Amino acid sequence: CDSGQDPVLEEELIRTMARQVDGVVVCASALDDETLAE
C-alpha cells in the first residue's frame, strides 16, 4: 500500500493489514513513536 505521505492513512493501512497478514514492513514511517509502538 502507498500512504501518500499521509500519517493518518498510514496508520489506517497498518491497522487494516494487521488483520490479514502475518506482519507488516513499514518504510520511512511518518507516525509518532507512541502510535507506532501501539
Full PDB file with SEQRES, HELIX, SHEET, SSBOND, CRYST1, ORIGX, SCALE, CONECT and MASTER records, all heavy atoms in Angstrom:
SEQRES   1 A   38  CYS ASP SER GLY GLN ASP PRO VAL LEU GLU GLU GLU LEU          
SEQRES   2 A   38  ILE ARG THR MET ALA ARG GLN VAL ASP GLY VAL VAL VAL          
SEQRES   3 A   38  CYS ALA SER ALA LEU ASP ASP GLU THR LEU ALA GLU              
HELIX    1 AA1 PRO A    7  ALA A   18  1                                  12    
HELIX    2 AA2 ASP A   33  ALA A   37  1                                   5    
CRYST1    1.000    1.000    1.000  90.00  90.00  90.00 P 1           1          
ORIGX1      1.000000  0.000000  0.000000        0.00000                         
ORIGX2      0.000000  1.000000  0.000000        0.00000                         
ORIGX3      0.000000  0.000000  1.000000        0.00000                         
SCALE1      1.000000  0.000000  0.000000        0.00000                         
SCALE2      0.000000  1.000000  0.000000        0.00000                         
SCALE3      0.000000  0.000000  1.000000        0.00000                         
ATOM      1  N   CYS A   1       0.837  -1.192   0.000  1.00  0.00           N  
ATOM      2  CA  CYS A   1       0.000   0.000   0.000  1.00  0.00           C  
ATOM      3  C   CYS A   1       0.871   1.242   0.000  1.00  0.00           C  
ATOM      4  O   CYS A   1       1.983   1.237   0.533  1.00  0.00           O  
ATOM      5  CB  CYS A   1      -0.905   0.036   1.235  1.00  0.00           C  
ATOM      6  SG  CYS A   1      -2.157  -1.254   1.290  1.00  0.00           S  
ATOM      7  N   ASP A   2       0.341   2.310  -0.577  1.00  0.00           N  
ATOM      8  CA  ASP A   2       1.003   3.611  -0.626  1.00  0.00           C  
ATOM      9  C   ASP A   2       0.202   4.562   0.257  1.00  0.00           C  
ATOM     10  O   ASP A   2      -0.986   4.787   0.022  1.00  0.00           O  
ATOM     11  CB  ASP A   2       1.013   4.093  -2.079  1.00  0.00           C  
ATOM     12  CG  ASP A   2       1.732   5.419  -2.267  1.00  0.00           C  
ATOM     13  OD1 ASP A   2       1.942   6.141  -1.276  1.00  0.00           O  
ATOM     14  OD2 ASP A   2       2.065   5.742  -3.425  1.00  0.00           O  
ATOM     15  N   SER A   3       0.849   5.123   1.277  1.00  0.00           N  
ATOM     16  CA  SER A   3       0.148   6.013   2.200  1.00  0.00           C  
ATOM     17  C   SER A   3       0.056   7.444   1.697  1.00  0.00           C  
ATOM     18  O   SER A   3      -0.587   8.288   2.342  1.00  0.00           O  
ATOM     19  CB  SER A   3       0.847   6.011   3.570  1.00  0.00           C  
ATOM     20  OG  SER A   3       2.111   6.643   3.479  1.00  0.00           O  
ATOM     21  N   GLY A   4       0.715   7.750   0.578  1.00  0.00           N  
ATOM     22  CA  GLY A   4       0.668   9.101   0.052  1.00  0.00           C  
ATOM     23  C   GLY A   4       1.255  10.140   0.998  1.00  0.00           C  
ATOM     24  O   GLY A   4       0.843  11.303   0.982  1.00  0.00           O  
ATOM     25  N   GLN A   5       2.207   9.729   1.846  1.00  0.00           N  
ATOM     26  CA  GLN A   5       2.851  10.607   2.828  1.00  0.00           C  
ATOM     27  C   GLN A   5       1.846  11.188   3.822  1.00  0.00           C  
ATOM     28  O   GLN A   5       2.059  12.256   4.392  1.00  0.00           O  
ATOM     29  CB  GLN A   5       3.616  11.740   2.119  1.00  0.00           C  
ATOM     30  CG  GLN A   5       4.666  11.238   1.140  1.00  0.00           C  
ATOM     31  CD  GLN A   5       5.422  12.358   0.461  1.00  0.00           C  
ATOM     32  OE1 GLN A   5       5.994  13.209   1.120  1.00  0.00           O  
ATOM     33  NE2 GLN A   5       5.420  12.360  -0.857  1.00  0.00           N  
ATOM     34  N   ASP A   6       0.768  10.458   4.047  1.00  0.00           N  
ATOM     35  CA  ASP A   6      -0.286  10.887   4.973  1.00  0.00           C  
ATOM     36  C   ASP A   6      -0.238  10.008   6.221  1.00  0.00           C  
ATOM     37  O   ASP A   6      -0.588   8.826   6.147  1.00  0.00           O  
ATOM     38  CB  ASP A   6      -1.647  10.768   4.287  1.00  0.00           C  
ATOM     39  CG  ASP A   6      -2.800  11.223   5.175  1.00  0.00           C  
ATOM     40  OD1 ASP A   6      -2.588  11.445   6.385  1.00  0.00           O  
ATOM     41  OD2 ASP A   6      -3.928  11.348   4.651  1.00  0.00           O  
ATOM     42  N   PRO A   7       0.178  10.541   7.376  1.00  0.00           N  
ATOM     43  CA  PRO A   7       0.287   9.715   8.587  1.00  0.00           C  
ATOM     44  C   PRO A   7      -1.041   9.084   9.002  1.00  0.00           C  
ATOM     45  O   PRO A   7      -1.055   7.953   9.498  1.00  0.00           O  
ATOM     46  CB  PRO A   7       0.780  10.701   9.649  1.00  0.00           C  
ATOM     47  CG  PRO A   7       1.410  11.816   8.892  1.00  0.00           C  
ATOM     48  CD  PRO A   7       0.647  11.915   7.612  1.00  0.00           C  
ATOM     49  N   VAL A   8      -2.148   9.795   8.806  1.00  0.00           N  
ATOM     50  CA  VAL A   8      -3.458   9.247   9.169  1.00  0.00           C  
ATOM     51  C   VAL A   8      -3.771   8.021   8.324  1.00  0.00           C  
ATOM     52  O   VAL A   8      -4.218   6.979   8.834  1.00  0.00           O  
ATOM     53  CB  VAL A   8      -4.564  10.319   9.010  1.00  0.00           C  
ATOM     54  CG1 VAL A   8      -5.943   9.701   9.272  1.00  0.00           C  
ATOM     55  CG2 VAL A   8      -4.320  11.488   9.957  1.00  0.00           C  
ATOM     56  N   LEU A   9      -3.544   8.130   7.012  1.00  0.00           N  
ATOM     57  CA  LEU A   9      -3.779   6.993   6.124  1.00  0.00           C  
ATOM     58  C   LEU A   9      -2.806   5.862   6.416  1.00  0.00           C  
ATOM     59  O   LEU A   9      -3.178   4.678   6.370  1.00  0.00           O  
ATOM     60  CB  LEU A   9      -3.651   7.440   4.669  1.00  0.00           C  
ATOM     61  CG  LEU A   9      -3.861   6.353   3.601  1.00  0.00           C  
ATOM     62  CD1 LEU A   9      -5.214   5.686   3.760  1.00  0.00           C  
ATOM     63  CD2 LEU A   9      -3.699   6.947   2.202  1.00  0.00           C  
ATOM     64  N   GLU A  10      -1.561   6.199   6.733  1.00  0.00           N  
ATOM     65  CA  GLU A  10      -0.567   5.171   7.062  1.00  0.00           C  
ATOM     66  C   GLU A  10      -1.033   4.329   8.247  1.00  0.00           C  
ATOM     67  O   GLU A  10      -0.980   3.089   8.210  1.00  0.00           O  
ATOM     68  CB  GLU A  10       0.776   5.825   7.385  1.00  0.00           C  
ATOM     69  CG  GLU A  10       1.877   4.831   7.724  1.00  0.00           C  
ATOM     70  CD  GLU A  10       3.178   5.515   8.110  1.00  0.00           C  
ATOM     71  OE1 GLU A  10       3.378   6.694   7.758  1.00  0.00           O  
ATOM     72  OE2 GLU A  10       4.005   4.861   8.783  1.00  0.00           O  
ATOM     73  N   GLU A  11      -1.496   4.990   9.293  1.00  0.00           N  
ATOM     74  CA  GLU A  11      -1.982   4.258  10.464  1.00  0.00           C  
ATOM     75  C   GLU A  11      -3.175   3.376  10.094  1.00  0.00           C  
ATOM     76  O   GLU A  11      -3.256   2.205  10.510  1.00  0.00           O  
ATOM     77  CB  GLU A  11      -2.382   5.240  11.563  1.00  0.00           C  
ATOM     78  CG  GLU A  11      -2.943   4.544  12.803  1.00  0.00           C  
ATOM     79  CD  GLU A  11      -3.369   5.527  13.887  1.00  0.00           C  
ATOM     80  OE1 GLU A  11      -3.141   6.748  13.731  1.00  0.00           O  
ATOM     81  OE2 GLU A  11      -3.946   5.062  14.891  1.00  0.00           O  
ATOM     82  N   GLU A  12      -4.097   3.915   9.315  1.00  0.00           N  
ATOM     83  CA  GLU A  12      -5.281   3.158   8.905  1.00  0.00           C  
ATOM     84  C   GLU A  12      -4.896   1.919   8.108  1.00  0.00           C  
ATOM     85  O   GLU A  12      -5.451   0.827   8.306  1.00  0.00           O  
ATOM     86  CB  GLU A  12      -6.188   4.067   8.081  1.00  0.00           C  
ATOM     87  CG  GLU A  12      -7.460   3.409   7.583  1.00  0.00           C  
ATOM     88  CD  GLU A  12      -8.272   4.347   6.707  1.00  0.00           C  
ATOM     89  OE1 GLU A  12      -8.317   5.556   7.007  1.00  0.00           O  
ATOM     90  OE2 GLU A  12      -8.852   3.865   5.711  1.00  0.00           O  
ATOM     91  N   LEU A  13      -3.922   2.068   7.194  1.00  0.00           N  
ATOM     92  CA  LEU A  13      -3.494   0.940   6.370  1.00  0.00           C  
ATOM     93  C   LEU A  13      -2.852  -0.157   7.216  1.00  0.00           C  
ATOM     94  O   LEU A  13      -3.100  -1.350   7.001  1.00  0.00           O  
ATOM     95  CB  LEU A  13      -2.504   1.424   5.306  1.00  0.00           C  
ATOM     96  CG  LEU A  13      -3.086   2.296   4.192  1.00  0.00           C  
ATOM     97  CD1 LEU A  13      -1.965   2.881   3.343  1.00  0.00           C  
ATOM     98  CD2 LEU A  13      -4.043   1.493   3.325  1.00  0.00           C  
ATOM     99  N   ILE A  14      -2.021   0.234   8.179  1.00  0.00           N  
ATOM    100  CA  ILE A  14      -1.373  -0.771   9.028  1.00  0.00           C  
ATOM    101  C   ILE A  14      -2.408  -1.515   9.865  1.00  0.00           C  
ATOM    102  O   ILE A  14      -2.344  -2.741  10.019  1.00  0.00           O  
ATOM    103  CB  ILE A  14      -0.300  -0.116   9.926  1.00  0.00           C  
ATOM    104  CG1 ILE A  14       0.820   0.473   9.071  1.00  0.00           C  
ATOM    105  CG2 ILE A  14       0.282  -1.141  10.902  1.00  0.00           C  
ATOM    106  CD1 ILE A  14       1.809   1.315   9.848  1.00  0.00           C  
ATOM    107  N   ARG A  15      -3.370  -0.785  10.412  1.00  0.00           N  
ATOM    108  CA  ARG A  15      -4.426  -1.431  11.208  1.00  0.00           C  
ATOM    109  C   ARG A  15      -5.233  -2.410  10.357  1.00  0.00           C  
ATOM    110  O   ARG A  15      -5.578  -3.508  10.808  1.00  0.00           O  
ATOM    111  CB  ARG A  15      -5.347  -0.377  11.815  1.00  0.00           C  
ATOM    112  CG  ARG A  15      -4.718   0.442  12.929  1.00  0.00           C  
ATOM    113  CD  ARG A  15      -5.736   1.358  13.603  1.00  0.00           C  
ATOM    114  NE  ARG A  15      -5.085   2.197  14.591  1.00  0.00           N  
ATOM    115  CZ  ARG A  15      -4.796   1.807  15.829  1.00  0.00           C  
ATOM    116  NH1 ARG A  15      -5.122   0.574  16.219  1.00  0.00           N  
ATOM    117  NH2 ARG A  15      -4.199   2.625  16.676  1.00  0.00           N  
ATOM    118  N   THR A  16      -5.531  -2.036   9.125  1.00  0.00           N  
ATOM    119  CA  THR A  16      -6.286  -2.928   8.244  1.00  0.00           C  
ATOM    120  C   THR A  16      -5.469  -4.153   7.875  1.00  0.00           C  
ATOM    121  O   THR A  16      -5.965  -5.292   7.908  1.00  0.00           O  
ATOM    122  CB  THR A  16      -6.697  -2.175   6.960  1.00  0.00           C  
ATOM    123  OG1 THR A  16      -7.504  -1.045   7.318  1.00  0.00           O  
ATOM    124  CG2 THR A  16      -7.482  -3.073   6.023  1.00  0.00           C  
ATOM    125  N   MET A  17      -4.208  -3.945   7.528  1.00  0.00           N  
ATOM    126  CA  MET A  17      -3.342  -5.060   7.146  1.00  0.00           C  
ATOM    127  C   MET A  17      -3.129  -6.032   8.303  1.00  0.00           C  
ATOM    128  O   MET A  17      -2.988  -7.241   8.089  1.00  0.00           O  
ATOM    129  CB  MET A  17      -1.983  -4.540   6.670  1.00  0.00           C  
ATOM    130  CG  MET A  17      -1.950  -4.088   5.231  1.00  0.00           C  
ATOM    131  SD  MET A  17      -0.230  -3.741   4.729  1.00  0.00           S  
ATOM    132  CE  MET A  17      -0.447  -3.628   2.961  1.00  0.00           C  
ATOM    133  N   ALA A  18      -3.085  -5.514   9.526  1.00  0.00           N  
ATOM    134  CA  ALA A  18      -2.791  -6.350  10.695  1.00  0.00           C  
ATOM    135  C   ALA A  18      -3.765  -7.510  10.825  1.00  0.00           C  
ATOM    136  O   ALA A  18      -3.432  -8.552  11.390  1.00  0.00           O  
ATOM    137  CB  ALA A  18      -2.807  -5.502  11.967  1.00  0.00           C  
ATOM    138  N   ARG A  19      -4.974  -7.360  10.289  1.00  0.00           N  
ATOM    139  CA  ARG A  19      -5.983  -8.416  10.384  1.00  0.00           C  
ATOM    140  C   ARG A  19      -5.858  -9.443   9.262  1.00  0.00           C  
ATOM    141  O   ARG A  19      -6.555 -10.452   9.281  1.00  0.00           O  
ATOM    142  CB  ARG A  19      -7.387  -7.788  10.351  1.00  0.00           C  
ATOM    143  CG  ARG A  19      -7.659  -6.826  11.486  1.00  0.00           C  
ATOM    144  CD  ARG A  19      -9.138  -6.450  11.549  1.00  0.00           C  
ATOM    145  NE  ARG A  19      -9.543  -5.646  10.405  1.00  0.00           N  
ATOM    146  CZ  ARG A  19      -9.548  -4.317  10.391  1.00  0.00           C  
ATOM    147  NH1 ARG A  19      -9.143  -3.639  11.465  1.00  0.00           N  
ATOM    148  NH2 ARG A  19      -9.953  -3.648   9.326  1.00  0.00           N  
ATOM    149  N   GLN A  20      -4.987  -9.162   8.294  1.00  0.00           N  
ATOM    150  CA  GLN A  20      -4.939 -10.015   7.102  1.00  0.00           C  
ATOM    151  C   GLN A  20      -3.585 -10.644   6.825  1.00  0.00           C  
ATOM    152  O   GLN A  20      -3.471 -11.502   5.954  1.00  0.00           O  
ATOM    153  CB  GLN A  20      -5.337  -9.182   5.874  1.00  0.00           C  
ATOM    154  CG  GLN A  20      -6.669  -8.471   6.009  1.00  0.00           C  
ATOM    155  CD  GLN A  20      -6.930  -7.539   4.841  1.00  0.00           C  
ATOM    156  OE1 GLN A  20      -6.804  -7.927   3.682  1.00  0.00           O  
ATOM    157  NE2 GLN A  20      -7.283  -6.299   5.126  1.00  0.00           N  
ATOM    158  N   VAL A  21      -2.548 -10.196   7.516  1.00  0.00           N  
ATOM    159  CA  VAL A  21      -1.189 -10.659   7.222  1.00  0.00           C  
ATOM    160  C   VAL A  21      -0.495 -11.109   8.497  1.00  0.00           C  
ATOM    161  O   VAL A  21      -0.971 -10.868   9.602  1.00  0.00           O  
ATOM    162  CB  VAL A  21      -0.361  -9.540   6.538  1.00  0.00           C  
ATOM    163  CG1 VAL A  21      -0.994  -9.119   5.222  1.00  0.00           C  
ATOM    164  CG2 VAL A  21      -0.208  -8.338   7.465  1.00  0.00           C  
ATOM    165  N   ASP A  22       0.654 -11.759   8.321  1.00  0.00           N  
ATOM    166  CA  ASP A  22       1.436 -12.212   9.473  1.00  0.00           C  
ATOM    167  C   ASP A  22       2.312 -11.098  10.039  1.00  0.00           C  
ATOM    168  O   ASP A  22       2.735 -11.161  11.191  1.00  0.00           O  
ATOM    169  CB  ASP A  22       2.325 -13.394   9.063  1.00  0.00           C  
ATOM    170  CG  ASP A  22       1.516 -14.583   8.587  1.00  0.00           C  
ATOM    171  OD1 ASP A  22       0.425 -14.807   9.137  1.00  0.00           O  
ATOM    172  OD2 ASP A  22       1.968 -15.266   7.648  1.00  0.00           O  
ATOM    173  N   GLY A  23       2.605 -10.096   9.240  1.00  0.00           N  
ATOM    174  CA  GLY A  23       3.436  -8.993   9.696  1.00  0.00           C  
ATOM    175  C   GLY A  23       3.506  -7.924   8.628  1.00  0.00           C  
ATOM    176  O   GLY A  23       3.161  -8.157   7.462  1.00  0.00           O  
ATOM    177  N   VAL A  24       3.942  -6.722   9.028  1.00  0.00           N  
ATOM    178  CA  VAL A  24       3.968  -5.584   8.114  1.00  0.00           C  
ATOM    179  C   VAL A  24       5.339  -4.916   8.143  1.00  0.00           C  
ATOM    180  O   VAL A  24       5.883  -4.633   9.218  1.00  0.00           O  
ATOM    181  CB  VAL A  24       2.896  -4.535   8.485  1.00  0.00           C  
ATOM    182  CG1 VAL A  24       2.927  -3.362   7.498  1.00  0.00           C  
ATOM    183  CG2 VAL A  24       1.504  -5.162   8.519  1.00  0.00           C  
ATOM    184  N   VAL A  25       5.893  -4.664   6.958  1.00  0.00           N  
ATOM    185  CA  VAL A  25       7.095  -3.857   6.809  1.00  0.00           C  
ATOM    186  C   VAL A  25       6.642  -2.414   6.558  1.00  0.00           C  
ATOM    187  O   VAL A  25       5.855  -2.165   5.644  1.00  0.00           O  
ATOM    188  CB  VAL A  25       7.959  -4.350   5.630  1.00  0.00           C  
ATOM    189  CG1 VAL A  25       9.149  -3.412   5.406  1.00  0.00           C  
ATOM    190  CG2 VAL A  25       8.433  -5.773   5.878  1.00  0.00           C  
ATOM    191  N   VAL A  26       7.123  -1.499   7.377  1.00  0.00           N  
ATOM    192  CA  VAL A  26       6.718  -0.090   7.265  1.00  0.00           C  
ATOM    193  C   VAL A  26       7.935   0.735   6.880  1.00  0.00           C  
ATOM    194  O   VAL A  26       8.923   0.789   7.621  1.00  0.00           O  
ATOM    195  CB  VAL A  26       6.121   0.423   8.590  1.00  0.00           C  
ATOM    196  CG1 VAL A  26       5.645   1.865   8.423  1.00  0.00           C  
ATOM    197  CG2 VAL A  26       4.968  -0.472   9.049  1.00  0.00           C  
ATOM    198  N   CYS A  27       7.870   1.384   5.714  1.00  0.00           N  
ATOM    199  CA  CYS A  27       9.009   2.150   5.193  1.00  0.00           C  
ATOM    200  C   CYS A  27       8.872   3.627   5.528  1.00  0.00           C  
ATOM    201  O   CYS A  27       7.821   4.229   5.277  1.00  0.00           O  
ATOM    202  CB  CYS A  27       9.096   2.004   3.683  1.00  0.00           C  
ATOM    203  SG  CYS A  27       9.496   0.354   3.123  1.00  0.00           S  
ATOM    204  N   ALA A  28       9.956   4.197   6.056  1.00  0.00           N  
ATOM    205  CA  ALA A  28      10.049   5.648   6.265  1.00  0.00           C  
ATOM    206  C   ALA A  28       8.790   6.195   6.910  1.00  0.00           C  
ATOM    207  O   ALA A  28       8.189   7.155   6.429  1.00  0.00           O  
ATOM    208  CB  ALA A  28      10.332   6.352   4.938  1.00  0.00           C  
ATOM    209  N   SER A  29       8.395   5.603   8.012  1.00  0.00           N  
ATOM    210  CA  SER A  29       7.135   5.980   8.657  1.00  0.00           C  
ATOM    211  C   SER A  29       7.153   7.431   9.131  1.00  0.00           C  
ATOM    212  O   SER A  29       8.142   7.923   9.666  1.00  0.00           O  
ATOM    213  CB  SER A  29       6.859   5.068   9.849  1.00  0.00           C  
ATOM    214  OG  SER A  29       5.675   5.466  10.512  1.00  0.00           O  
ATOM    215  N   ALA A  30       5.997   8.106   8.948  1.00  0.00           N  
ATOM    216  CA  ALA A  30       5.826   9.473   9.428  1.00  0.00           C  
ATOM    217  C   ALA A  30       5.050   9.508  10.740  1.00  0.00           C  
ATOM    218  O   ALA A  30       4.731  10.576  11.251  1.00  0.00           O  
ATOM    219  CB  ALA A  30       5.102  10.318   8.386  1.00  0.00           C  
ATOM    220  N   LEU A  31       4.737   8.341  11.295  1.00  0.00           N  
ATOM    221  CA  LEU A  31       3.955   8.277  12.527  1.00  0.00           C  
ATOM    222  C   LEU A  31       4.812   8.597  13.743  1.00  0.00           C  
ATOM    223  O   LEU A  31       6.028   8.379  13.743  1.00  0.00           O  
ATOM    224  CB  LEU A  31       3.347   6.879  12.684  1.00  0.00           C  
ATOM    225  CG  LEU A  31       2.291   6.501  11.637  1.00  0.00           C  
ATOM    226  CD1 LEU A  31       1.933   5.029  11.760  1.00  0.00           C  
ATOM    227  CD2 LEU A  31       1.044   7.364  11.802  1.00  0.00           C  
ATOM    228  N   ASP A  32       4.175   9.089  14.802  1.00  0.00           N  
ATOM    229  CA  ASP A  32       4.907   9.344  16.034  1.00  0.00           C  
ATOM    230  C   ASP A  32       5.231   8.026  16.729  1.00  0.00           C  
ATOM    231  O   ASP A  32       4.629   6.978  16.452  1.00  0.00           O  
ATOM    232  CB  ASP A  32       4.102  10.260  16.969  1.00  0.00           C  
ATOM    233  CG  ASP A  32       2.751   9.658  17.344  1.00  0.00           C  
ATOM    234  OD1 ASP A  32       2.723   8.756  18.202  1.00  0.00           O  
ATOM    235  OD2 ASP A  32       1.728  10.077  16.778  1.00  0.00           O  
ATOM    236  N   ASP A  33       6.186   8.075  17.646  1.00  0.00           N  
ATOM    237  CA  ASP A  33       6.672   6.859  18.313  1.00  0.00           C  
ATOM    238  C   ASP A  33       5.559   6.120  19.043  1.00  0.00           C  
ATOM    239  O   ASP A  33       5.474   4.884  19.000  1.00  0.00           O  
ATOM    240  CB  ASP A  33       7.786   7.215  19.306  1.00  0.00           C  
ATOM    241  CG  ASP A  33       9.085   7.603  18.613  1.00  0.00           C  
ATOM    242  OD1 ASP A  33       9.140   7.512  17.365  1.00  0.00           O  
ATOM    243  OD2 ASP A  33      10.028   7.996  19.317  1.00  0.00           O  
ATOM    244  N   GLU A  34       4.696   6.865  19.728  1.00  0.00           N  
ATOM    245  CA  GLU A  34       3.632   6.236  20.519  1.00  0.00           C  
ATOM    246  C   GLU A  34       2.678   5.444  19.634  1.00  0.00           C  
ATOM    247  O   GLU A  34       2.298   4.312  19.955  1.00  0.00           O  
ATOM    248  CB  GLU A  34       2.868   7.308  21.296  1.00  0.00           C  
ATOM    249  CG  GLU A  34       1.798   6.743  22.218  1.00  0.00           C  
ATOM    250  CD  GLU A  34       1.084   7.824  23.015  1.00  0.00           C  
ATOM    251  OE1 GLU A  34       1.504   8.996  22.944  1.00  0.00           O  
ATOM    252  OE2 GLU A  34       0.096   7.497  23.705  1.00  0.00           O  
ATOM    253  N   THR A  35       2.296   6.025  18.512  1.00  0.00           N  
ATOM    254  CA  THR A  35       1.379   5.333  17.599  1.00  0.00           C  
ATOM    255  C   THR A  35       2.031   4.099  17.001  1.00  0.00           C  
ATOM    256  O   THR A  35       1.414   3.026  16.920  1.00  0.00           O  
ATOM    257  CB  THR A  35       0.923   6.283  16.481  1.00  0.00           C  
ATOM    258  OG1 THR A  35       0.279   7.420  17.053  1.00  0.00           O  
ATOM    259  CG2 THR A  35      -0.048   5.587  15.541  1.00  0.00           C  
ATOM    260  N   LEU A  36       3.283   4.236  16.577  1.00  0.00           N  
ATOM    261  CA  LEU A  36       3.981   3.083  16.010  1.00  0.00           C  
ATOM    262  C   LEU A  36       4.109   1.949  17.019  1.00  0.00           C  
ATOM    263  O   LEU A  36       3.919   0.777  16.682  1.00  0.00           O  
ATOM    264  CB  LEU A  36       5.380   3.500  15.538  1.00  0.00           C  
ATOM    265  CG  LEU A  36       5.554   3.885  14.076  1.00  0.00           C  
ATOM    266  CD1 LEU A  36       7.005   4.230  13.802  1.00  0.00           C  
ATOM    267  CD2 LEU A  36       5.083   2.772  13.145  1.00  0.00           C  
ATOM    268  N   ALA A  37       4.433   2.288  18.255  1.00  0.00           N  
ATOM    269  CA  ALA A  37       4.575   1.262  19.297  1.00  0.00           C  
ATOM    270  C   ALA A  37       3.255   0.547  19.523  1.00  0.00           C  
ATOM    271  O   ALA A  37       3.219  -0.678  19.721  1.00  0.00           O  
ATOM    272  CB  ALA A  37       5.073   1.902  20.591  1.00  0.00           C  
ATOM    273  N   GLU A  38       2.154   1.287  19.479  1.00  0.00           N  
ATOM    274  CA  GLU A  38       0.840   0.661  19.677  1.00  0.00           C  
ATOM    275  C   GLU A  38       0.489  -0.254  18.513  1.00  0.00           C  
ATOM    276  O   GLU A  38      -0.034  -1.356  18.690  1.00  0.00           O  
ATOM    277  CB  GLU A  38      -0.216   1.765  19.826  1.00  0.00           C  
ATOM    278  CG  GLU A  38      -1.570   1.245  20.330  1.00  0.00           C  
ATOM    279  CD  GLU A  38      -2.569   1.063  19.207  1.00  0.00           C  
ATOM    280  OE1 GLU A  38      -2.522   1.830  18.240  1.00  0.00           O  
ATOM    281  OE2 GLU A  38      -3.396   0.128  19.303  1.00  0.00           O  
TER     282      GLU A  38                                                      
MASTER        0    0    0    2    0    0    0    6  281    1    0    3          
END                                                                             
